[in-house]
Amino acid sequence: LTIVGTGLPGVPSRADDQAQWGRAWS
C-alpha cells in the first residue's frame, strides 16, 4: 500500500487515528 505524505513534518495525530479528511497530507 502506498500512502504519500506521512513523511512531512508535524503529523496531526498518531498513525492509527484518522484525524483529518483523508490521510495526512496527501
mmCIF file of all heavy atoms, coordinates in Angstrom:
data_MODEL
# 
_entry.id   MODEL 
# 
loop_
_atom_site.group_PDB 
_atom_site.id 
_atom_site.type_symbol 
_atom_site.label_atom_id 
_atom_site.label_alt_id 
_atom_site.label_comp_id 
_atom_site.label_asym_id 
_atom_site.label_entity_id 
_atom_site.label_seq_id 
_atom_site.pdbx_PDB_ins_code 
_atom_site.Cartn_x 
_atom_site.Cartn_y 
_atom_site.Cartn_z 
_atom_site.occupancy 
_atom_site.B_iso_or_equiv 
_atom_site.pdbx_formal_charge 
_atom_site.auth_seq_id 
_atom_site.auth_comp_id 
_atom_site.auth_asym_id 
_atom_site.auth_atom_id 
_atom_site.pdbx_PDB_model_num 
ATOM 1   N N   . LEU A 1 1  ? 0.827   -1.186 0.000  1.00 0.00 ? 1  LEU A N   1 
ATOM 2   C CA  . LEU A 1 1  ? 0.000   0.000  0.000  1.00 0.00 ? 1  LEU A CA  1 
ATOM 3   C C   . LEU A 1 1  ? 0.869   1.247  0.000  1.00 0.00 ? 1  LEU A C   1 
ATOM 4   O O   . LEU A 1 1  ? 1.766   1.390  0.824  1.00 0.00 ? 1  LEU A O   1 
ATOM 5   C CB  . LEU A 1 1  ? -0.905  0.008  1.242  1.00 0.00 ? 1  LEU A CB  1 
ATOM 6   C CG  . LEU A 1 1  ? -1.895  1.167  1.370  1.00 0.00 ? 1  LEU A CG  1 
ATOM 7   C CD1 . LEU A 1 1  ? -2.944  1.057  0.288  1.00 0.00 ? 1  LEU A CD1 1 
ATOM 8   C CD2 . LEU A 1 1  ? -2.542  1.155  2.738  1.00 0.00 ? 1  LEU A CD2 1 
ATOM 9   N N   . THR A 1 2  ? 0.614   2.154  -0.902 1.00 0.00 ? 2  THR A N   1 
ATOM 10  C CA  . THR A 1 2  ? 1.394   3.377  -0.990 1.00 0.00 ? 2  THR A CA  1 
ATOM 11  C C   . THR A 1 2  ? 0.551   4.544  -0.514 1.00 0.00 ? 2  THR A C   1 
ATOM 12  O O   . THR A 1 2  ? -0.479  4.845  -1.091 1.00 0.00 ? 2  THR A O   1 
ATOM 13  C CB  . THR A 1 2  ? 1.841   3.632  -2.437 1.00 0.00 ? 2  THR A CB  1 
ATOM 14  O OG1 . THR A 1 2  ? 2.605   2.517  -2.877 1.00 0.00 ? 2  THR A OG1 1 
ATOM 15  C CG2 . THR A 1 2  ? 2.661   4.890  -2.532 1.00 0.00 ? 2  THR A CG2 1 
ATOM 16  N N   . ILE A 1 3  ? 0.981   5.197  0.559  1.00 0.00 ? 3  ILE A N   1 
ATOM 17  C CA  . ILE A 1 3  ? 0.327   6.399  1.047  1.00 0.00 ? 3  ILE A CA  1 
ATOM 18  C C   . ILE A 1 3  ? 1.399   7.475  1.145  1.00 0.00 ? 3  ILE A C   1 
ATOM 19  O O   . ILE A 1 3  ? 2.307   7.372  1.956  1.00 0.00 ? 3  ILE A O   1 
ATOM 20  C CB  . ILE A 1 3  ? -0.339  6.181  2.405  1.00 0.00 ? 3  ILE A CB  1 
ATOM 21  C CG1 . ILE A 1 3  ? -1.399  5.065  2.292  1.00 0.00 ? 3  ILE A CG1 1 
ATOM 22  C CG2 . ILE A 1 3  ? -0.962  7.464  2.921  1.00 0.00 ? 3  ILE A CG2 1 
ATOM 23  C CD1 . ILE A 1 3  ? -2.025  4.702  3.606  1.00 0.00 ? 3  ILE A CD1 1 
ATOM 24  N N   . VAL A 1 4  ? 1.312   8.491  0.310  1.00 0.00 ? 4  VAL A N   1 
ATOM 25  C CA  . VAL A 1 4  ? 2.338   9.514  0.259  1.00 0.00 ? 4  VAL A CA  1 
ATOM 26  C C   . VAL A 1 4  ? 1.910   10.695 1.107  1.00 0.00 ? 4  VAL A C   1 
ATOM 27  O O   . VAL A 1 4  ? 0.760   11.094 1.103  1.00 0.00 ? 4  VAL A O   1 
ATOM 28  C CB  . VAL A 1 4  ? 2.561   9.962  -1.201 1.00 0.00 ? 4  VAL A CB  1 
ATOM 29  C CG1 . VAL A 1 4  ? 3.519   11.125 -1.270 1.00 0.00 ? 4  VAL A CG1 1 
ATOM 30  C CG2 . VAL A 1 4  ? 3.099   8.785  -2.003 1.00 0.00 ? 4  VAL A CG2 1 
ATOM 31  N N   . GLY A 1 5  ? 2.828   11.277 1.839  1.00 0.00 ? 5  GLY A N   1 
ATOM 32  C CA  . GLY A 1 5  ? 2.548   12.488 2.584  1.00 0.00 ? 5  GLY A CA  1 
ATOM 33  C C   . GLY A 1 5  ? 2.855   12.357 4.053  1.00 0.00 ? 5  GLY A C   1 
ATOM 34  O O   . GLY A 1 5  ? 3.003   13.332 4.757  1.00 0.00 ? 5  GLY A O   1 
ATOM 35  N N   . THR A 1 6  ? 2.941   11.134 4.585  1.00 0.00 ? 6  THR A N   1 
ATOM 36  C CA  . THR A 1 6  ? 3.114   10.967 6.015  1.00 0.00 ? 6  THR A CA  1 
ATOM 37  C C   . THR A 1 6  ? 4.526   11.265 6.466  1.00 0.00 ? 6  THR A C   1 
ATOM 38  O O   . THR A 1 6  ? 4.787   11.318 7.660  1.00 0.00 ? 6  THR A O   1 
ATOM 39  C CB  . THR A 1 6  ? 2.745   9.537  6.424  1.00 0.00 ? 6  THR A CB  1 
ATOM 40  O OG1 . THR A 1 6  ? 3.494   8.621  5.624  1.00 0.00 ? 6  THR A OG1 1 
ATOM 41  C CG2 . THR A 1 6  ? 1.280   9.280  6.219  1.00 0.00 ? 6  THR A CG2 1 
ATOM 42  N N   . GLY A 1 7  ? 5.464   11.481 5.520  1.00 0.00 ? 7  GLY A N   1 
ATOM 43  C CA  . GLY A 1 7  ? 6.822   11.793 5.922  1.00 0.00 ? 7  GLY A CA  1 
ATOM 44  C C   . GLY A 1 7  ? 7.056   13.277 6.171  1.00 0.00 ? 7  GLY A C   1 
ATOM 45  O O   . GLY A 1 7  ? 8.124   13.669 6.599  1.00 0.00 ? 7  GLY A O   1 
ATOM 46  N N   . LEU A 1 8  ? 6.052   14.120 5.902  1.00 0.00 ? 8  LEU A N   1 
ATOM 47  C CA  . LEU A 1 8  ? 6.218   15.543 6.108  1.00 0.00 ? 8  LEU A CA  1 
ATOM 48  C C   . LEU A 1 8  ? 6.122   15.869 7.591  1.00 0.00 ? 8  LEU A C   1 
ATOM 49  O O   . LEU A 1 8  ? 5.521   15.127 8.366  1.00 0.00 ? 8  LEU A O   1 
ATOM 50  C CB  . LEU A 1 8  ? 5.140   16.307 5.329  1.00 0.00 ? 8  LEU A CB  1 
ATOM 51  C CG  . LEU A 1 8  ? 5.238   16.160 3.805  1.00 0.00 ? 8  LEU A CG  1 
ATOM 52  C CD1 . LEU A 1 8  ? 4.014   16.744 3.148  1.00 0.00 ? 8  LEU A CD1 1 
ATOM 53  C CD2 . LEU A 1 8  ? 6.483   16.841 3.277  1.00 0.00 ? 8  LEU A CD2 1 
ATOM 54  N N   . PRO A 1 9  ? 6.685   16.999 8.029  1.00 0.00 ? 9  PRO A N   1 
ATOM 55  C CA  . PRO A 1 9  ? 6.743   17.292 9.461  1.00 0.00 ? 9  PRO A CA  1 
ATOM 56  C C   . PRO A 1 9  ? 5.392   17.638 10.051 1.00 0.00 ? 9  PRO A C   1 
ATOM 57  O O   . PRO A 1 9  ? 4.512   18.154 9.374  1.00 0.00 ? 9  PRO A O   1 
ATOM 58  C CB  . PRO A 1 9  ? 7.683   18.503 9.520  1.00 0.00 ? 9  PRO A CB  1 
ATOM 59  C CG  . PRO A 1 9  ? 7.555   19.153 8.188  1.00 0.00 ? 9  PRO A CG  1 
ATOM 60  C CD  . PRO A 1 9  ? 7.351   18.032 7.223  1.00 0.00 ? 9  PRO A CD  1 
ATOM 61  N N   . GLY A 1 10 ? 5.214   17.346 11.350 1.00 0.00 ? 10 GLY A N   1 
ATOM 62  C CA  . GLY A 1 10 ? 4.043   17.782 12.081 1.00 0.00 ? 10 GLY A CA  1 
ATOM 63  C C   . GLY A 1 10 ? 2.828   16.918 11.891 1.00 0.00 ? 10 GLY A C   1 
ATOM 64  O O   . GLY A 1 10 ? 1.714   17.392 11.715 1.00 0.00 ? 10 GLY A O   1 
ATOM 65  N N   . VAL A 1 11 ? 2.976   15.587 11.888 1.00 0.00 ? 11 VAL A N   1 
ATOM 66  C CA  . VAL A 1 11 ? 1.858   14.672 11.679 1.00 0.00 ? 11 VAL A CA  1 
ATOM 67  C C   . VAL A 1 11 ? 0.759   14.988 12.684 1.00 0.00 ? 11 VAL A C   1 
ATOM 68  O O   . VAL A 1 11 ? 1.013   15.110 13.875 1.00 0.00 ? 11 VAL A O   1 
ATOM 69  C CB  . VAL A 1 11 ? 2.317   13.209 11.831 1.00 0.00 ? 11 VAL A CB  1 
ATOM 70  C CG1 . VAL A 1 11 ? 1.136   12.257 11.737 1.00 0.00 ? 11 VAL A CG1 1 
ATOM 71  C CG2 . VAL A 1 11 ? 3.333   12.870 10.758 1.00 0.00 ? 11 VAL A CG2 1 
ATOM 72  N N   . PRO A 1 12 ? -0.524  15.166 12.227 1.00 0.00 ? 12 PRO A N   1 
ATOM 73  C CA  . PRO A 1 12 ? -1.567  15.613 13.113 1.00 0.00 ? 12 PRO A CA  1 
ATOM 74  C C   . PRO A 1 12 ? -1.845  14.704 14.300 1.00 0.00 ? 12 PRO A C   1 
ATOM 75  O O   . PRO A 1 12 ? -2.227  15.168 15.353 1.00 0.00 ? 12 PRO A O   1 
ATOM 76  C CB  . PRO A 1 12 ? -2.802  15.662 12.199 1.00 0.00 ? 12 PRO A CB  1 
ATOM 77  C CG  . PRO A 1 12 ? -2.260  15.860 10.843 1.00 0.00 ? 12 PRO A CG  1 
ATOM 78  C CD  . PRO A 1 12 ? -0.961  15.118 10.834 1.00 0.00 ? 12 PRO A CD  1 
ATOM 79  N N   . SER A 1 13 ? -1.694  13.406 14.172 1.00 0.00 ? 13 SER A N   1 
ATOM 80  C CA  . SER A 1 13 ? -2.032  12.525 15.272 1.00 0.00 ? 13 SER A CA  1 
ATOM 81  C C   . SER A 1 13 ? -1.313  11.212 15.076 1.00 0.00 ? 13 SER A C   1 
ATOM 82  O O   . SER A 1 13 ? -0.621  11.011 14.098 1.00 0.00 ? 13 SER A O   1 
ATOM 83  C CB  . SER A 1 13 ? -3.557  12.325 15.328 1.00 0.00 ? 13 SER A CB  1 
ATOM 84  O OG  . SER A 1 13 ? -3.930  11.665 16.502 1.00 0.00 ? 13 SER A OG  1 
ATOM 85  N N   . ARG A 1 14 ? -1.469  10.293 16.032 1.00 0.00 ? 14 ARG A N   1 
ATOM 86  C CA  . ARG A 1 14 ? -0.748  9.040  15.899 1.00 0.00 ? 14 ARG A CA  1 
ATOM 87  C C   . ARG A 1 14 ? -1.281  8.248  14.714 1.00 0.00 ? 14 ARG A C   1 
ATOM 88  O O   . ARG A 1 14 ? -2.393  8.465  14.252 1.00 0.00 ? 14 ARG A O   1 
ATOM 89  C CB  . ARG A 1 14 ? -0.847  8.241  17.192 1.00 0.00 ? 14 ARG A CB  1 
ATOM 90  C CG  . ARG A 1 14 ? -2.236  7.748  17.554 1.00 0.00 ? 14 ARG A CG  1 
ATOM 91  C CD  . ARG A 1 14 ? -2.159  6.955  18.854 1.00 0.00 ? 14 ARG A CD  1 
ATOM 92  N NE  . ARG A 1 14 ? -3.425  6.324  19.164 1.00 0.00 ? 14 ARG A NE  1 
ATOM 93  C CZ  . ARG A 1 14 ? -4.371  6.878  19.896 1.00 0.00 ? 14 ARG A CZ  1 
ATOM 94  N NH1 . ARG A 1 14 ? -4.189  8.089  20.384 1.00 0.00 ? 14 ARG A NH1 1 
ATOM 95  N NH2 . ARG A 1 14 ? -5.502  6.235  20.130 1.00 0.00 ? 14 ARG A NH2 1 
ATOM 96  N N   . ALA A 1 15 ? -0.482  7.286  14.234 1.00 0.00 ? 15 ALA A N   1 
ATOM 97  C CA  . ALA A 1 15 ? -0.736  6.655  12.944 1.00 0.00 ? 15 ALA A CA  1 
ATOM 98  C C   . ALA A 1 15 ? -2.093  5.974  12.870 1.00 0.00 ? 15 ALA A C   1 
ATOM 99  O O   . ALA A 1 15 ? -2.713  5.933  11.819 1.00 0.00 ? 15 ALA A O   1 
ATOM 100 C CB  . ALA A 1 15 ? 0.374   5.648  12.640 1.00 0.00 ? 15 ALA A CB  1 
ATOM 101 N N   . ASP A 1 16 ? -2.589  5.423  13.982 1.00 0.00 ? 16 ASP A N   1 
ATOM 102 C CA  . ASP A 1 16 ? -3.833  4.672  13.944 1.00 0.00 ? 16 ASP A CA  1 
ATOM 103 C C   . ASP A 1 16 ? -5.066  5.554  13.996 1.00 0.00 ? 16 ASP A C   1 
ATOM 104 O O   . ASP A 1 16 ? -6.171  5.091  13.764 1.00 0.00 ? 16 ASP A O   1 
ATOM 105 C CB  . ASP A 1 16 ? -3.876  3.655  15.093 1.00 0.00 ? 16 ASP A CB  1 
ATOM 106 C CG  . ASP A 1 16 ? -2.872  2.535  14.893 1.00 0.00 ? 16 ASP A CG  1 
ATOM 107 O OD1 . ASP A 1 16 ? -2.490  2.286  13.746 1.00 0.00 ? 16 ASP A OD1 1 
ATOM 108 O OD2 . ASP A 1 16 ? -2.483  1.916  15.896 1.00 0.00 ? 16 ASP A OD2 1 
ATOM 109 N N   . ASP A 1 17 ? -4.912  6.806  14.376 1.00 0.00 ? 17 ASP A N   1 
ATOM 110 C CA  . ASP A 1 17 ? -6.037  7.727  14.333 1.00 0.00 ? 17 ASP A CA  1 
ATOM 111 C C   . ASP A 1 17 ? -6.300  8.151  12.889 1.00 0.00 ? 17 ASP A C   1 
ATOM 112 O O   . ASP A 1 17 ? -5.480  7.940  11.998 1.00 0.00 ? 17 ASP A O   1 
ATOM 113 C CB  . ASP A 1 17 ? -5.744  8.969  15.183 1.00 0.00 ? 17 ASP A CB  1 
ATOM 114 C CG  . ASP A 1 17 ? -5.924  8.718  16.675 1.00 0.00 ? 17 ASP A CG  1 
ATOM 115 O OD1 . ASP A 1 17 ? -6.456  7.661  17.046 1.00 0.00 ? 17 ASP A OD1 1 
ATOM 116 O OD2 . ASP A 1 17 ? -5.514  9.589  17.462 1.00 0.00 ? 17 ASP A OD2 1 
ATOM 117 N N   . GLN A 1 18 ? -7.463  8.736  12.671 1.00 0.00 ? 18 GLN A N   1 
ATOM 118 C CA  . GLN A 1 18 ? -7.779  9.357  11.386 1.00 0.00 ? 18 GLN A CA  1 
ATOM 119 C C   . GLN A 1 18 ? -8.296  10.755 11.700 1.00 0.00 ? 18 GLN A C   1 
ATOM 120 O O   . GLN A 1 18 ? -9.485  10.976 11.873 1.00 0.00 ? 18 GLN A O   1 
ATOM 121 C CB  . GLN A 1 18 ? -8.814  8.545  10.615 1.00 0.00 ? 18 GLN A CB  1 
ATOM 122 C CG  . GLN A 1 18 ? -9.151  9.099  9.251  1.00 0.00 ? 18 GLN A CG  1 
ATOM 123 C CD  . GLN A 1 18 ? -7.941  9.255  8.365  1.00 0.00 ? 18 GLN A CD  1 
ATOM 124 O OE1 . GLN A 1 18 ? -7.206  8.305  8.126  1.00 0.00 ? 18 GLN A OE1 1 
ATOM 125 N NE2 . GLN A 1 18 ? -7.706  10.462 7.863  1.00 0.00 ? 18 GLN A NE2 1 
ATOM 126 N N   . ALA A 1 19 ? -7.353  11.696 11.798 1.00 0.00 ? 19 ALA A N   1 
ATOM 127 C CA  . ALA A 1 19 ? -7.637  12.984 12.419 1.00 0.00 ? 19 ALA A CA  1 
ATOM 128 C C   . ALA A 1 19 ? -7.964  14.091 11.435 1.00 0.00 ? 19 ALA A C   1 
ATOM 129 O O   . ALA A 1 19 ? -8.119  15.239 11.839 1.00 0.00 ? 19 ALA A O   1 
ATOM 130 C CB  . ALA A 1 19 ? -6.448  13.412 13.290 1.00 0.00 ? 19 ALA A CB  1 
ATOM 131 N N   . GLN A 1 20 ? -8.073  13.773 10.146 1.00 0.00 ? 20 GLN A N   1 
ATOM 132 C CA  . GLN A 1 20 ? -8.435  14.793 9.165  1.00 0.00 ? 20 GLN A CA  1 
ATOM 133 C C   . GLN A 1 20 ? -9.094  14.113 7.978  1.00 0.00 ? 20 GLN A C   1 
ATOM 134 O O   . GLN A 1 20 ? -9.208  12.894 7.916  1.00 0.00 ? 20 GLN A O   1 
ATOM 135 C CB  . GLN A 1 20 ? -7.208  15.572 8.712  1.00 0.00 ? 20 GLN A CB  1 
ATOM 136 C CG  . GLN A 1 20 ? -6.219  14.754 7.888  1.00 0.00 ? 20 GLN A CG  1 
ATOM 137 C CD  . GLN A 1 20 ? -5.159  15.616 7.216  1.00 0.00 ? 20 GLN A CD  1 
ATOM 138 O OE1 . GLN A 1 20 ? -4.700  16.598 7.763  1.00 0.00 ? 20 GLN A OE1 1 
ATOM 139 N NE2 . GLN A 1 20 ? -4.772  15.243 6.005  1.00 0.00 ? 20 GLN A NE2 1 
ATOM 140 N N   . TRP A 1 21 ? -9.558  14.924 7.031  1.00 0.00 ? 21 TRP A N   1 
ATOM 141 C CA  . TRP A 1 21 ? -10.147 14.426 5.791  1.00 0.00 ? 21 TRP A CA  1 
ATOM 142 C C   . TRP A 1 21 ? -9.052  13.809 4.931  1.00 0.00 ? 21 TRP A C   1 
ATOM 143 O O   . TRP A 1 21 ? -8.162  14.495 4.453  1.00 0.00 ? 21 TRP A O   1 
ATOM 144 C CB  . TRP A 1 21 ? -10.817 15.575 5.057  1.00 0.00 ? 21 TRP A CB  1 
ATOM 145 C CG  . TRP A 1 21 ? -11.350 15.242 3.699  1.00 0.00 ? 21 TRP A CG  1 
ATOM 146 C CD1 . TRP A 1 21 ? -10.843 15.635 2.503  1.00 0.00 ? 21 TRP A CD1 1 
ATOM 147 C CD2 . TRP A 1 21 ? -12.507 14.455 3.396  1.00 0.00 ? 21 TRP A CD2 1 
ATOM 148 N NE1 . TRP A 1 21 ? -11.592 15.155 1.475  1.00 0.00 ? 21 TRP A NE1 1 
ATOM 149 C CE2 . TRP A 1 21 ? -12.627 14.413 1.994  1.00 0.00 ? 21 TRP A CE2 1 
ATOM 150 C CE3 . TRP A 1 21 ? -13.435 13.764 4.172  1.00 0.00 ? 21 TRP A CE3 1 
ATOM 151 C CZ2 . TRP A 1 21 ? -13.648 13.720 1.353  1.00 0.00 ? 21 TRP A CZ2 1 
ATOM 152 C CZ3 . TRP A 1 21 ? -14.449 13.085 3.539  1.00 0.00 ? 21 TRP A CZ3 1 
ATOM 153 C CH2 . TRP A 1 21 ? -14.557 13.064 2.150  1.00 0.00 ? 21 TRP A CH2 1 
ATOM 154 N N   . GLY A 1 22 ? -9.069  12.479 4.778  1.00 0.00 ? 22 GLY A N   1 
ATOM 155 C CA  . GLY A 1 22 ? -8.016  11.788 4.047  1.00 0.00 ? 22 GLY A CA  1 
ATOM 156 C C   . GLY A 1 22 ? -6.751  11.685 4.867  1.00 0.00 ? 22 GLY A C   1 
ATOM 157 O O   . GLY A 1 22 ? -6.649  12.174 5.985  1.00 0.00 ? 22 GLY A O   1 
ATOM 158 N N   . ARG A 1 23 ? -5.764  11.018 4.305  1.00 0.00 ? 23 ARG A N   1 
ATOM 159 C CA  . ARG A 1 23 ? -4.509  10.828 5.021  1.00 0.00 ? 23 ARG A CA  1 
ATOM 160 C C   . ARG A 1 23 ? -3.698  12.126 5.048  1.00 0.00 ? 23 ARG A C   1 
ATOM 161 O O   . ARG A 1 23 ? -3.826  12.979 4.190  1.00 0.00 ? 23 ARG A O   1 
ATOM 162 C CB  . ARG A 1 23 ? -3.673  9.719  4.360  1.00 0.00 ? 23 ARG A CB  1 
ATOM 163 C CG  . ARG A 1 23 ? -4.363  8.373  4.320  1.00 0.00 ? 23 ARG A CG  1 
ATOM 164 C CD  . ARG A 1 23 ? -4.726  7.837  5.692  1.00 0.00 ? 23 ARG A CD  1 
ATOM 165 N NE  . ARG A 1 23 ? -3.558  7.539  6.511  1.00 0.00 ? 23 ARG A NE  1 
ATOM 166 C CZ  . ARG A 1 23 ? -3.636  7.031  7.745  1.00 0.00 ? 23 ARG A CZ  1 
ATOM 167 N NH1 . ARG A 1 23 ? -4.803  6.810  8.296  1.00 0.00 ? 23 ARG A NH1 1 
ATOM 168 N NH2 . ARG A 1 23 ? -2.543  6.772  8.415  1.00 0.00 ? 23 ARG A NH2 1 
ATOM 169 N N   . ALA A 1 24 ? -2.863  12.240 6.067  1.00 0.00 ? 24 ALA A N   1 
ATOM 170 C CA  . ALA A 1 24 ? -2.005  13.420 6.177  1.00 0.00 ? 24 ALA A CA  1 
ATOM 171 C C   . ALA A 1 24 ? -0.763  13.210 5.300  1.00 0.00 ? 24 ALA A C   1 
ATOM 172 O O   . ALA A 1 24 ? -0.077  12.211 5.457  1.00 0.00 ? 24 ALA A O   1 
ATOM 173 C CB  . ALA A 1 24 ? -1.575  13.616 7.636  1.00 0.00 ? 24 ALA A CB  1 
ATOM 174 N N   . TRP A 1 25 ? -0.437  14.113 4.409  1.00 0.00 ? 25 TRP A N   1 
ATOM 175 C CA  . TRP A 1 25 ? -1.258  15.234 3.995  1.00 0.00 ? 25 TRP A CA  1 
ATOM 176 C C   . TRP A 1 25 ? -1.713  15.031 2.564  1.00 0.00 ? 25 TRP A C   1 
ATOM 177 O O   . TRP A 1 25 ? -2.214  15.924 1.906  1.00 0.00 ? 25 TRP A O   1 
ATOM 178 C CB  . TRP A 1 25 ? -0.431  16.518 4.066  1.00 0.00 ? 25 TRP A CB  1 
ATOM 179 C CG  . TRP A 1 25 ? -0.265  17.061 5.432  1.00 0.00 ? 25 TRP A CG  1 
ATOM 180 C CD1 . TRP A 1 25 ? -1.015  18.050 5.996  1.00 0.00 ? 25 TRP A CD1 1 
ATOM 181 C CD2 . TRP A 1 25 ? 0.671   16.681 6.404  1.00 0.00 ? 25 TRP A CD2 1 
ATOM 182 N NE1 . TRP A 1 25 ? -0.594  18.296 7.267  1.00 0.00 ? 25 TRP A NE1 1 
ATOM 183 C CE2 . TRP A 1 25 ? 0.454   17.465 7.537  1.00 0.00 ? 25 TRP A CE2 1 
ATOM 184 C CE3 . TRP A 1 25 ? 1.674   15.711 6.460  1.00 0.00 ? 25 TRP A CE3 1 
ATOM 185 C CZ2 . TRP A 1 25 ? 1.192   17.336 8.699  1.00 0.00 ? 25 TRP A CZ2 1 
ATOM 186 C CZ3 . TRP A 1 25 ? 2.415   15.587 7.607  1.00 0.00 ? 25 TRP A CZ3 1 
ATOM 187 C CH2 . TRP A 1 25 ? 2.170   16.393 8.699  1.00 0.00 ? 25 TRP A CH2 1 
ATOM 188 N N   . SER A 1 26 ? -1.522  13.862 2.085  1.00 0.00 ? 26 SER A N   1 
ATOM 189 C CA  . SER A 1 26 ? -1.822  13.560 0.691  1.00 0.00 ? 26 SER A CA  1 
ATOM 190 C C   . SER A 1 26 ? -3.301  13.591 0.395  1.00 0.00 ? 26 SER A C   1 
ATOM 191 O O   . SER A 1 26 ? -3.708  13.677 -0.750 1.00 0.00 ? 26 SER A O   1 
ATOM 192 C CB  . SER A 1 26 ? -1.278  12.172 0.333  1.00 0.00 ? 26 SER A CB  1 
ATOM 193 O OG  . SER A 1 26 ? -1.998  11.177 1.041  1.00 0.00 ? 26 SER A OG  1 
# 
